[in-house]
Amino acid sequence: MCNNTTLNVKVSGFTFVRNALLYDYPVVESIRSMLPLCDEVIVNVGKSEDDTLRLIENIASPKIKIIHSVWDDSLRQGGQVLAQETDKALAAIVPDSRWAIYLQADEVLHESDYPVIRQAMQHYSEHTDIEALLLNYHHFYGSYDYVGTARRWYRREIRVLRYNGEVRSFGDAQGFRKNGQKVKAALIPAAVYHYGWVKNPQKQQAKIKNFNRLWHSDTWIQRNVAAQFTYSEVDDLLKFTGTAPAVMQARIAAQDWHFDYQPAQYKHGNSWKDRLLYRLEQLTGYRFFEYKNYILAEKFYPSDTSTKF
């Protein structure tokens, strides 16, 4: 059972990764942030050009179960190979798990959110109409001090699933579907810390070029991906005032590049429509025409009333 006396159901974690060292993914931190919540963590390690496998093995937790995969690099449409690799990890979960926690290799949970996540899993264990839990997002950009607030950053996503063998990864593995349909989810006051856009610009350039191969041809990449990456293509940022997950402290301290954010240089979207919608969101707190990869059924309010959305 999970490391919590009030949670009497089995919980599995799952993730996938390839070339973690080559593209500087914080996958070790990601996995470590899941371990306290889980009885097992399935890590689908793709055949890599670096020492990713040994990196995962060196975490040395008895909870970790490694499976091996070879990615189908011919799948260059919509990032569907990411969903395929996600489903391989999902399929390896033990059948008697009640919940499955999913993180991508650049996503981390904060230890302060463990009680809320546990409470929500316990609360909904017998409420089978709720099929997933939604978590909010902090999308870090440029450095560990700023988060993206523009409309292109999704505000929340499913990261805890009721494990029933019916839910599958959808699209480019951002979310999930059950028999092709959106699942009913409860929003909980916990967050995913997303570090996909926080690394040395040279590493970021290499990652972007490689990542685009999951969507586009080599010709398209040559024409559209800049030879040098700079942290200038962003709409708007806010100073992050919270605390970082404990597992991220060493990585944050080792930051070896400088990021200078000048708000006056940035636009709130590439069109008048984007700028108008962004302004409306700032004024009202509501995101108009938001794409939702789920059905928001309800909000979960934990017994600790100090925890807020």
C-alpha atoms as a PDB file:
ATOM      1  CA  MET A   1       0.000   0.000   0.000  1.00  0.00           C
ATOM      2  CA  CYS A   2       1.009   3.621  -0.341  1.00  0.00           C
ATOM      3  CA  ASN A   3       3.097   5.257   2.351  1.00  0.00           C
ATOM      4  CA  ASN A   4       0.017   6.689   4.061  1.00  0.00           C
ATOM      5  CA  THR A   5      -2.184   5.016   6.676  1.00  0.00           C
ATOM      6  CA  THR A   6      -5.371   6.654   5.386  1.00  0.00           C
ATOM      7  CA  LEU A   7      -4.977   5.365   1.830  1.00  0.00           C
ATOM      8  CA  ASN A   8      -5.821   1.680   1.631  1.00  0.00           C
ATOM      9  CA  VAL A   9      -5.662   1.149  -2.115  1.00  0.00           C
ATOM     10  CA  LYS A  10      -2.744   0.342  -4.378  1.00  0.00           C
ATOM     11  CA  VAL A  11      -1.304   3.157  -6.524  1.00  0.00           C
ATOM     12  CA  SER A  12       1.063   2.856  -9.482  1.00  0.00           C
ATOM     13  CA  GLY A  13       3.112   5.533 -11.208  1.00  0.00           C
ATOM     14  CA  PHE A  14       4.114   5.437 -14.849  1.00  0.00           C
ATOM     15  CA  THR A  15       6.298   7.410 -17.228  1.00  0.00           C
ATOM     16  CA  PHE A  16       8.487   7.042 -20.302  1.00  0.00           C
ATOM     17  CA  VAL A  17      11.826   8.505 -21.341  1.00  0.00           C
ATOM     18  CA  ARG A  18      14.495   8.377 -24.028  1.00  0.00           C
ATOM     19  CA  ASN A  19      17.803  10.266 -24.283  1.00  0.00           C
ATOM     20  CA  ALA A  20      17.354  11.915 -20.895  1.00  0.00           C
ATOM     21  CA  LEU A  21      21.001  12.935 -20.607  1.00  0.00           C
ATOM     22  CA  LEU A  22      21.339  14.105 -24.187  1.00  0.00           C
ATOM     23  CA  TYR A  23      18.386  16.492 -23.824  1.00  0.00           C
ATOM     24  CA  ASP A  24      18.726  17.201 -20.100  1.00  0.00           C
ATOM     25  CA  TYR A  25      15.376  15.907 -18.876  1.00  0.00           C
ATOM     26  CA  PRO A  26      14.829  16.079 -15.099  1.00  0.00           C
ATOM     27  CA  VAL A  27      13.463  12.546 -15.207  1.00  0.00           C
ATOM     28  CA  VAL A  28      15.246  11.418 -12.040  1.00  0.00           C
ATOM     29  CA  GLU A  29      13.604  14.258 -10.128  1.00  0.00           C
ATOM     30  CA  SER A  30      10.277  13.433 -11.772  1.00  0.00           C
ATOM     31  CA  ILE A  31      10.403   9.778 -10.739  1.00  0.00           C
ATOM     32  CA  ARG A  32      11.566  10.597  -7.226  1.00  0.00           C
ATOM     33  CA  SER A  33       8.652  12.985  -6.826  1.00  0.00           C
ATOM     34  CA  MET A  34       6.231  10.119  -7.587  1.00  0.00           C
ATOM     35  CA  LEU A  35       7.821   7.428  -5.444  1.00  0.00           C
ATOM     36  CA  PRO A  36       6.361   8.478  -2.042  1.00  0.00           C
ATOM     37  CA  LEU A  37       2.836   8.259  -3.470  1.00  0.00           C
ATOM     38  CA  CYS A  38       3.206   4.915  -5.225  1.00  0.00           C
ATOM     39  CA  ASP A  39       3.605   1.214  -4.582  1.00  0.00           C
ATOM     40  CA  GLU A  40       5.370   0.835  -7.926  1.00  0.00           C
ATOM     41  CA  VAL A  41       6.589   3.154 -10.688  1.00  0.00           C
ATOM     42  CA  ILE A  42       6.742   1.822 -14.237  1.00  0.00           C
ATOM     43  CA  VAL A  43       9.491   3.479 -16.301  1.00  0.00           C
ATOM     44  CA  ASN A  44       9.411   2.787 -20.021  1.00  0.00           C
ATOM     45  CA  VAL A  45      13.003   3.387 -21.132  1.00  0.00           C
ATOM     46  CA  GLY A  46      13.350   3.817 -24.872  1.00  0.00           C
ATOM     47  CA  LYS A  47      16.486   2.714 -26.688  1.00  0.00           C
ATOM     48  CA  SER A  48      18.730   5.738 -26.285  1.00  0.00           C
ATOM     49  CA  GLU A  49      21.877   7.313 -27.662  1.00  0.00           C
ATOM     50  CA  ASP A  50      23.117   8.015 -24.144  1.00  0.00           C
ATOM     51  CA  ASP A  51      23.198   6.305 -20.742  1.00  0.00           C
ATOM     52  CA  THR A  52      19.537   6.848 -19.870  1.00  0.00           C
ATOM     53  CA  LEU A  53      19.025   3.266 -18.766  1.00  0.00           C
ATOM     54  CA  ARG A  54      21.821   3.422 -16.198  1.00  0.00           C
ATOM     55  CA  LEU A  55      20.530   6.813 -15.031  1.00  0.00           C
ATOM     56  CA  ILE A  56      17.175   5.218 -14.161  1.00  0.00           C
ATOM     57  CA  GLU A  57      18.777   2.109 -12.665  1.00  0.00           C
ATOM     58  CA  ASN A  58      20.878   4.295 -10.364  1.00  0.00           C
ATOM     59  CA  ILE A  59      17.771   5.636  -8.642  1.00  0.00           C
ATOM     60  CA  ALA A  60      17.926   2.243  -6.942  1.00  0.00           C
ATOM     61  CA  SER A  61      14.397   2.054  -5.618  1.00  0.00           C
ATOM     62  CA  PRO A  62      12.724  -1.350  -5.243  1.00  0.00           C
ATOM     63  CA  LYS A  63       9.481   0.299  -6.359  1.00  0.00           C
ATOM     64  CA  ILE A  64      10.810   1.001  -9.864  1.00  0.00           C
ATOM     65  CA  LYS A  65       9.994  -1.457 -12.633  1.00  0.00           C
ATOM     66  CA  ILE A  66      11.853  -0.786 -15.888  1.00  0.00           C
ATOM     67  CA  ILE A  67      10.476  -1.914 -19.224  1.00  0.00           C
ATOM     68  CA  HIS A  68      12.374  -1.544 -22.492  1.00  0.00           C
ATOM     69  CA  SER A  69      11.110  -0.159 -25.771  1.00  0.00           C
ATOM     70  CA  VAL A  70      12.224   0.819 -29.262  1.00  0.00           C
ATOM     71  CA  TRP A  71      10.421   3.911 -30.527  1.00  0.00           C
ATOM     72  CA  ASP A  72       8.820   3.887 -33.950  1.00  0.00           C
ATOM     73  CA  ASP A  73      10.552   6.951 -35.408  1.00  0.00           C
ATOM     74  CA  SER A  74       8.482   6.689 -38.580  1.00  0.00           C
ATOM     75  CA  LEU A  75       5.481   8.065 -36.658  1.00  0.00           C
ATOM     76  CA  ARG A  76       5.839  11.718 -37.584  1.00  0.00           C
ATOM     77  CA  GLN A  77       2.280  12.883 -37.206  1.00  0.00           C
ATOM     78  CA  GLY A  78       0.891  14.666 -34.189  1.00  0.00           C
ATOM     79  CA  GLY A  79       3.468  13.265 -31.784  1.00  0.00           C
ATOM     80  CA  GLN A  80       1.538   9.979 -31.680  1.00  0.00           C
ATOM     81  CA  VAL A  81       4.647   7.979 -30.777  1.00  0.00           C
ATOM     82  CA  LEU A  82       4.533   9.721 -27.388  1.00  0.00           C
ATOM     83  CA  ALA A  83       1.056   8.345 -26.749  1.00  0.00           C
ATOM     84  CA  GLN A  84       2.205   4.917 -27.921  1.00  0.00           C
ATOM     85  CA  GLU A  85       5.101   4.888 -25.445  1.00  0.00           C
ATOM     86  CA  THR A  86       2.865   6.185 -22.667  1.00  0.00           C
ATOM     87  CA  ASP A  87       0.425   3.325 -23.266  1.00  0.00           C
ATOM     88  CA  LYS A  88       3.244   0.781 -23.065  1.00  0.00           C
ATOM     89  CA  ALA A  89       4.050   1.987 -19.558  1.00  0.00           C
ATOM     90  CA  LEU A  90       0.366   2.117 -18.620  1.00  0.00           C
ATOM     91  CA  ALA A  91      -0.135  -1.484 -19.777  1.00  0.00           C
ATOM     92  CA  ALA A  92       2.645  -2.714 -17.464  1.00  0.00           C
ATOM     93  CA  ILE A  93       0.873  -1.605 -14.284  1.00  0.00           C
ATOM     94  CA  VAL A  94      -0.155  -4.409 -11.931  1.00  0.00           C
ATOM     95  CA  PRO A  95      -3.845  -5.294 -12.385  1.00  0.00           C
ATOM     96  CA  ASP A  96      -4.865  -4.650  -8.780  1.00  0.00           C
ATOM     97  CA  SER A  97      -3.855  -0.973  -8.737  1.00  0.00           C
ATOM     98  CA  ARG A  98      -6.741   1.406  -8.104  1.00  0.00           C
ATOM     99  CA  TRP A  99      -5.024   4.595  -9.295  1.00  0.00           C
ATOM    100  CA  ALA A 100      -2.242   5.429 -11.751  1.00  0.00           C
ATOM    101  CA  ILE A 101      -0.171   8.603 -11.460  1.00  0.00           C
ATOM    102  CA  TYR A 102       1.360   9.810 -14.723  1.00  0.00           C
ATOM    103  CA  LEU A 103       4.201  12.257 -15.163  1.00  0.00           C
ATOM    104  CA  GLN A 104       6.186  13.099 -18.256  1.00  0.00           C
ATOM    105  CA  ALA A 105       9.964  13.230 -17.979  1.00  0.00           C
ATOM    106  CA  ASP A 106      10.032  17.007 -17.403  1.00  0.00           C
ATOM    107  CA  GLU A 107       7.167  17.124 -14.866  1.00  0.00           C
ATOM    108  CA  VAL A 108       7.594  17.079 -11.090  1.00  0.00           C
ATOM    109  CA  LEU A 109       5.244  16.919  -8.106  1.00  0.00           C
ATOM    110  CA  HIS A 110       5.731  19.027  -4.992  1.00  0.00           C
ATOM    111  CA  GLU A 111       5.920  17.196  -1.685  1.00  0.00           C
ATOM    112  CA  SER A 112       3.523  19.725  -0.125  1.00  0.00           C
ATOM    113  CA  ASP A 113       0.791  18.388  -2.446  1.00  0.00           C
ATOM    114  CA  TYR A 114       1.115  14.740  -1.391  1.00  0.00           C
ATOM    115  CA  PRO A 115      -1.585  14.974   1.326  1.00  0.00           C
ATOM    116  CA  VAL A 116      -4.109  16.495  -1.091  1.00  0.00           C
ATOM    117  CA  ILE A 117      -3.415  13.917  -3.785  1.00  0.00           C
ATOM    118  CA  ARG A 118      -3.771  11.098  -1.266  1.00  0.00           C
ATOM    119  CA  GLN A 119      -6.992  12.563   0.127  1.00  0.00           C
ATOM    120  CA  ALA A 120      -8.481  12.880  -3.344  1.00  0.00           C
ATOM    121  CA  MET A 121      -7.562   9.323  -4.334  1.00  0.00           C
ATOM    122  CA  GLN A 122      -9.090   8.012  -1.114  1.00  0.00           C
ATOM    123  CA  HIS A 123     -12.234  10.135  -1.495  1.00  0.00           C
ATOM    124  CA  TYR A 124     -12.892   9.035  -5.074  1.00  0.00           C
ATOM    125  CA  SER A 125     -11.871   5.397  -4.688  1.00  0.00           C
ATOM    126  CA  GLU A 126     -15.504   4.288  -4.509  1.00  0.00           C
ATOM    127  CA  HIS A 127     -16.943   7.158  -6.575  1.00  0.00           C
ATOM    128  CA  THR A 128     -16.509   5.472  -9.925  1.00  0.00           C
ATOM    129  CA  ASP A 129     -18.212   8.269 -11.863  1.00  0.00           C
ATOM    130  CA  ILE A 130     -14.985  10.264 -11.405  1.00  0.00           C
ATOM    131  CA  GLU A 131     -12.399   8.662 -13.682  1.00  0.00           C
ATOM    132  CA  ALA A 132      -9.437  10.990 -13.216  1.00  0.00           C
ATOM    133  CA  LEU A 133      -7.972  13.834 -11.192  1.00  0.00           C
ATOM    134  CA  LEU A 134      -6.963  17.156 -12.725  1.00  0.00           C
ATOM    135  CA  LEU A 135      -3.892  19.016 -11.526  1.00  0.00           C
ATOM    136  CA  ASN A 136      -2.973  22.634 -12.153  1.00  0.00           C
ATOM    137  CA  TYR A 137       0.272  23.560 -13.916  1.00  0.00           C
ATOM    138  CA  HIS A 138       3.272  25.786 -13.378  1.00  0.00           C
ATOM    139  CA  HIS A 139       5.013  26.063 -16.763  1.00  0.00           C
ATOM    140  CA  PHE A 140       8.515  27.373 -16.092  1.00  0.00           C
ATOM    141  CA  TYR A 141      10.200  29.262 -18.906  1.00  0.00           C
ATOM    142  CA  GLY A 142      13.755  30.557 -19.331  1.00  0.00           C
ATOM    143  CA  SER A 143      14.730  29.975 -15.728  1.00  0.00           C
ATOM    144  CA  TYR A 144      13.327  28.556 -12.517  1.00  0.00           C
ATOM    145  CA  ASP A 145      12.109  32.040 -11.565  1.00  0.00           C
ATOM    146  CA  TYR A 146       9.399  32.594 -14.202  1.00  0.00           C
ATOM    147  CA  VAL A 147       6.234  30.834 -15.334  1.00  0.00           C
ATOM    148  CA  GLY A 148       4.298  31.262 -18.555  1.00  0.00           C
ATOM    149  CA  THR A 149       0.815  32.755 -18.287  1.00  0.00           C
ATOM    150  CA  ALA A 150      -0.196  33.152 -21.938  1.00  0.00           C
ATOM    151  CA  ARG A 151      -2.981  31.136 -23.539  1.00  0.00           C
ATOM    152  CA  ARG A 152      -0.634  28.686 -25.205  1.00  0.00           C
ATOM    153  CA  TRP A 153       0.217  27.227 -21.805  1.00  0.00           C
ATOM    154  CA  TYR A 154      -2.503  24.798 -20.731  1.00  0.00           C
ATOM    155  CA  ARG A 155      -3.673  25.518 -17.205  1.00  0.00           C
ATOM    156  CA  ARG A 156      -4.466  21.975 -16.036  1.00  0.00           C
ATOM    157  CA  GLU A 157      -4.386  18.379 -17.188  1.00  0.00           C
ATOM    158  CA  ILE A 158      -5.176  14.832 -16.049  1.00  0.00           C
ATOM    159  CA  ARG A 159      -2.285  13.302 -14.171  1.00  0.00           C
ATOM    160  CA  VAL A 160      -4.063  10.763 -11.954  1.00  0.00           C
ATOM    161  CA  LEU A 161      -6.213   8.052 -13.549  1.00  0.00           C
ATOM    162  CA  ARG A 162      -8.595   5.475 -12.194  1.00  0.00           C
ATOM    163  CA  TYR A 163      -6.879   2.316 -13.366  1.00  0.00           C
ATOM    164  CA  ASN A 164      -9.414   0.134 -15.145  1.00  0.00           C
ATOM    165  CA  GLY A 165      -7.711  -0.900 -18.388  1.00  0.00           C
ATOM    166  CA  GLU A 166     -10.044   1.288 -20.466  1.00  0.00           C
ATOM    167  CA  VAL A 167      -8.237   4.637 -20.522  1.00  0.00           C
ATOM    168  CA  ARG A 168      -5.594   5.332 -23.160  1.00  0.00           C
ATOM    169  CA  SER A 169      -3.178   8.136 -23.897  1.00  0.00           C
ATOM    170  CA  PHE A 170      -4.494  10.620 -26.425  1.00  0.00           C
ATOM    171  CA  GLY A 171      -2.874  12.677 -29.184  1.00  0.00           C
ATOM    172  CA  ASP A 172       0.699  13.552 -28.248  1.00  0.00           C
ATOM    173  CA  ALA A 173       0.272  12.120 -24.718  1.00  0.00           C
ATOM    174  CA  GLN A 174      -0.823  15.397 -23.130  1.00  0.00           C
ATOM    175  CA  GLY A 175      -4.075  13.821 -21.938  1.00  0.00           C
ATOM    176  CA  PHE A 176      -6.197  10.687 -21.937  1.00  0.00           C
ATOM    177  CA  ARG A 177      -9.401   9.236 -23.411  1.00  0.00           C
ATOM    178  CA  LYS A 178     -11.732   6.366 -22.537  1.00  0.00           C
ATOM    179  CA  ASN A 179     -13.024   4.604 -25.650  1.00  0.00           C
ATOM    180  CA  GLY A 180     -12.148   7.740 -27.580  1.00  0.00           C
ATOM    181  CA  GLN A 181     -14.214   9.997 -25.303  1.00  0.00           C
ATOM    182  CA  LYS A 182     -13.114  12.604 -22.777  1.00  0.00           C
ATOM    183  CA  VAL A 183     -13.133  11.338 -19.201  1.00  0.00           C
ATOM    184  CA  LYS A 184     -14.870  12.901 -16.207  1.00  0.00           C
ATOM    185  CA  ALA A 185     -12.355  14.451 -13.850  1.00  0.00           C
ATOM    186  CA  ALA A 186     -12.259  16.225 -10.514  1.00  0.00           C
ATOM    187  CA  LEU A 187      -9.990  19.239 -10.146  1.00  0.00           C
ATOM    188  CA  ILE A 188      -7.793  19.085  -7.039  1.00  0.00           C
ATOM    189  CA  PRO A 189      -5.699  21.901  -5.486  1.00  0.00           C
ATOM    190  CA  ALA A 190      -2.347  20.384  -6.417  1.00  0.00           C
ATOM    191  CA  ALA A 191       0.094  21.246  -9.191  1.00  0.00           C
ATOM    192  CA  VAL A 192       2.502  19.824 -11.706  1.00  0.00           C
ATOM    193  CA  TYR A 193       5.793  21.700 -12.015  1.00  0.00           C
ATOM    194  CA  HIS A 194       6.670  21.590 -15.707  1.00  0.00           C
ATOM    195  CA  TYR A 195      10.345  22.195 -16.579  1.00  0.00           C
ATOM    196  CA  GLY A 196      10.272  21.490 -20.316  1.00  0.00           C
ATOM    197  CA  TRP A 197      11.436  25.000 -21.162  1.00  0.00           C
ATOM    198  CA  VAL A 198      14.115  25.425 -18.513  1.00  0.00           C
ATOM    199  CA  LYS A 199      17.593  24.367 -19.538  1.00  0.00           C
ATOM    200  CA  ASN A 200      20.783  25.664 -21.084  1.00  0.00           C
ATOM    201  CA  PRO A 201      19.865  27.186 -24.495  1.00  0.00           C
ATOM    202  CA  GLN A 202      22.170  24.754 -26.312  1.00  0.00           C
ATOM    203  CA  LYS A 203      20.403  21.788 -24.702  1.00  0.00           C
ATOM    204  CA  GLN A 204      17.055  23.402 -25.420  1.00  0.00           C
ATOM    205  CA  GLN A 205      17.985  23.824 -29.079  1.00  0.00           C
ATOM    206  CA  ALA A 206      18.939  20.163 -29.371  1.00  0.00           C
ATOM    207  CA  LYS A 207      15.714  19.089 -27.662  1.00  0.00           C
ATOM    208  CA  ILE A 208      13.534  21.276 -29.919  1.00  0.00           C
ATOM    209  CA  LYS A 209      15.159  19.952 -33.067  1.00  0.00           C
ATOM    210  CA  ASN A 210      14.734  16.358 -31.924  1.00  0.00           C
ATOM    211  CA  PHE A 211      11.199  16.913 -30.622  1.00  0.00           C
ATOM    212  CA  ASN A 212      10.040  18.374 -33.929  1.00  0.00           C
ATOM    213  CA  ARG A 213      10.955  15.087 -35.601  1.00  0.00           C
ATOM    214  CA  LEU A 214       7.914  13.620 -33.859  1.00  0.00           C
ATOM    215  CA  TRP A 215       5.715  15.950 -35.916  1.00  0.00           C
ATOM    216  CA  HIS A 216       7.570  17.018 -39.054  1.00  0.00           C
ATOM    217  CA  SER A 217       9.909  15.950 -41.827  1.00  0.00           C
ATOM    218  CA  ASP A 218      13.622  16.777 -41.852  1.00  0.00           C
ATOM    219  CA  THR A 219      12.969  19.267 -44.652  1.00  0.00           C
ATOM    220  CA  TRP A 220      10.391  21.106 -42.547  1.00  0.00           C
ATOM    221  CA  ILE A 221      12.809  21.211 -39.604  1.00  0.00           C
ATOM    222  CA  GLN A 222      15.597  22.652 -41.749  1.00  0.00           C
ATOM    223  CA  ARG A 223      13.272  25.411 -42.945  1.00  0.00           C
ATOM    224  CA  ASN A 224      11.515  26.249 -39.705  1.00  0.00           C
ATOM    225  CA  VAL A 225      13.777  25.482 -36.735  1.00  0.00           C
ATOM    226  CA  ALA A 226      16.318  28.190 -36.006  1.00  0.00           C
ATOM    227  CA  ALA A 227      19.988  27.253 -35.874  1.00  0.00           C
ATOM    228  CA  GLN A 228      20.312  28.883 -32.455  1.00  0.00           C
ATOM    229  CA  PHE A 229      17.752  29.004 -29.664  1.00  0.00           C
ATOM    230  CA  THR A 230      17.052  32.055 -27.531  1.00  0.00           C
ATOM    231  CA  TYR A 231      14.401  32.464 -24.855  1.00  0.00           C
ATOM    232  CA  SER A 232      12.572  35.217 -26.710  1.00  0.00           C
ATOM    233  CA  GLU A 233       9.552  33.471 -28.236  1.00  0.00           C
ATOM    234  CA  VAL A 234       7.110  33.816 -25.358  1.00  0.00           C
ATOM    235  CA  ASP A 235       4.036  35.923 -24.767  1.00  0.00           C
ATOM    236  CA  ASP A 236       4.157  36.796 -21.101  1.00  0.00           C
ATOM    237  CA  LEU A 237       5.742  35.606 -17.872  1.00  0.00           C
ATOM    238  CA  LEU A 238       5.163  36.082 -14.183  1.00  0.00           C
ATOM    239  CA  LYS A 239       7.687  35.884 -11.386  1.00  0.00           C
ATOM    240  CA  PHE A 240       7.259  32.589  -9.553  1.00  0.00           C
ATOM    241  CA  THR A 241       6.761  33.295  -5.864  1.00  0.00           C
ATOM    242  CA  GLY A 242       6.272  29.761  -4.566  1.00  0.00           C
ATOM    243  CA  THR A 243       8.791  27.167  -3.470  1.00  0.00           C
ATOM    244  CA  ALA A 244      10.343  24.540  -5.702  1.00  0.00           C
ATOM    245  CA  PRO A 245       9.951  20.808  -5.080  1.00  0.00           C
ATOM    246  CA  ALA A 246      12.686  19.511  -2.802  1.00  0.00           C
ATOM    247  CA  VAL A 247      13.891  17.050  -5.458  1.00  0.00           C
ATOM    248  CA  MET A 248      14.648  20.007  -7.769  1.00  0.00           C
ATOM    249  CA  GLN A 249      16.862  21.999  -5.410  1.00  0.00           C
ATOM    250  CA  ALA A 250      20.211  20.632  -6.620  1.00  0.00           C
ATOM    251  CA  ARG A 251      19.295  21.090 -10.286  1.00  0.00           C
ATOM    252  CA  ILE A 252      18.142  24.661  -9.664  1.00  0.00           C
ATOM    253  CA  ALA A 253      21.363  25.484  -7.820  1.00  0.00           C
ATOM    254  CA  ALA A 254      23.370  24.185 -10.796  1.00  0.00           C
ATOM    255  CA  GLN A 255      21.767  26.518 -13.375  1.00  0.00           C
ATOM    256  CA  ASP A 256      24.582  27.535 -15.731  1.00  0.00           C
ATOM    257  CA  TRP A 257      22.933  30.142 -17.953  1.00  0.00           C
ATOM    258  CA  HIS A 258      21.494  33.636 -17.500  1.00  0.00           C
ATOM    259  CA  PHE A 259      17.933  34.517 -18.419  1.00  0.00           C
ATOM    260  CA  ASP A 260      17.011  38.177 -18.674  1.00  0.00           C
ATOM    261  CA  TYR A 261      13.282  38.794 -18.902  1.00  0.00           C
ATOM    262  CA  GLN A 262      12.253  42.206 -20.214  1.00  0.00           C
ATOM    263  CA  PRO A 263       8.434  42.468 -20.145  1.00  0.00           C
ATOM    264  CA  ALA A 264       8.325  45.428 -22.525  1.00  0.00           C
ATOM    265  CA  GLN A 265       9.760  43.279 -25.324  1.00  0.00           C
ATOM    266  CA  TYR A 266       6.929  40.755 -25.244  1.00  0.00           C
ATOM    267  CA  LYS A 267       3.534  40.711 -26.913  1.00  0.00           C
ATOM    268  CA  HIS A 268       0.454  38.969 -25.585  1.00  0.00           C
ATOM    269  CA  GLY A 269      -0.072  36.733 -28.607  1.00  0.00           C
ATOM    270  CA  ASN A 270       0.570  36.960 -32.322  1.00  0.00           C
ATOM    271  CA  SER A 271      -2.826  38.360 -33.331  1.00  0.00           C
ATOM    272  CA  TRP A 272      -5.308  40.939 -32.103  1.00  0.00           C
ATOM    273  CA  LYS A 273      -7.621  38.081 -31.113  1.00  0.00           C
ATOM    274  CA  ASP A 274      -4.953  36.472 -28.911  1.00  0.00           C
ATOM    275  CA  ARG A 275      -4.172  39.803 -27.287  1.00  0.00           C
ATOM    276  CA  LEU A 276      -7.860  40.564 -26.674  1.00  0.00           C
ATOM    277  CA  LEU A 277      -8.549  37.157 -25.140  1.00  0.00           C
ATOM    278  CA  TYR A 278      -5.461  37.442 -22.970  1.00  0.00           C
ATOM    279  CA  ARG A 279      -6.590  40.859 -21.662  1.00  0.00           C
ATOM    280  CA  LEU A 280     -10.063  39.526 -20.958  1.00  0.00           C
ATOM    281  CA  GLU A 281      -8.570  36.669 -18.990  1.00  0.00           C
ATOM    282  CA  GLN A 282      -6.486  39.052 -16.912  1.00  0.00           C
ATOM    283  CA  LEU A 283      -9.545  41.177 -16.161  1.00  0.00           C
ATOM    284  CA  THR A 284     -12.018  38.395 -15.422  1.00  0.00           C
ATOM    285  CA  GLY A 285      -9.913  35.436 -14.322  1.00  0.00           C
ATOM    286  CA  TYR A 286     -11.754  33.296 -16.890  1.00  0.00           C
ATOM    287  CA  ARG A 287     -10.104  31.749 -19.943  1.00  0.00           C
ATOM    288  CA  PHE A 288     -12.521  32.121 -22.839  1.00  0.00           C
ATOM    289  CA  PHE A 289     -12.615  29.389 -25.532  1.00  0.00           C
ATOM    290  CA  GLU A 290     -10.190  27.240 -23.548  1.00  0.00           C
ATOM    291  CA  TYR A 291      -9.406  23.827 -24.989  1.00  0.00           C
ATOM    292  CA  LYS A 292     -10.175  21.186 -22.362  1.00  0.00           C
ATOM    293  CA  ASN A 293      -8.799  17.708 -22.749  1.00  0.00           C
ATOM    294  CA  TYR A 294     -11.306  16.393 -20.199  1.00  0.00           C
ATOM    295  CA  ILE A 295     -14.781  16.893 -18.711  1.00  0.00           C
ATOM    296  CA  LEU A 296     -14.538  18.926 -15.527  1.00  0.00           C
ATOM    297  CA  ALA A 297     -17.132  17.224 -13.314  1.00  0.00           C
ATOM    298  CA  GLU A 298     -16.401  18.875  -9.967  1.00  0.00           C
ATOM    299  CA  LYS A 299     -13.789  20.373  -7.670  1.00  0.00           C
ATOM    300  CA  PHE A 300     -12.348  18.492  -4.722  1.00  0.00           C
ATOM    301  CA  TYR A 301     -12.001  20.440  -1.481  1.00  0.00           C
ATOM    302  CA  PRO A 302      -9.674  18.694   1.001  1.00  0.00           C
ATOM    303  CA  SER A 303     -10.298  18.623   4.725  1.00  0.00           C
ATOM    304  CA  ASP A 304      -7.353  20.974   5.209  1.00  0.00           C
ATOM    305  CA  THR A 305      -9.086  24.260   4.380  1.00  0.00           C
ATOM    306  CA  SER A 306      -5.751  26.085   4.126  1.00  0.00           C
ATOM    307  CA  THR A 307      -5.220  24.394   0.773  1.00  0.00           C
ATOM    308  CA  LYS A 308      -6.794  26.528  -1.956  1.00  0.00           C
ATOM    309  CA  PHE A 309      -7.234  26.422  -5.712  1.00  0.00           C
END
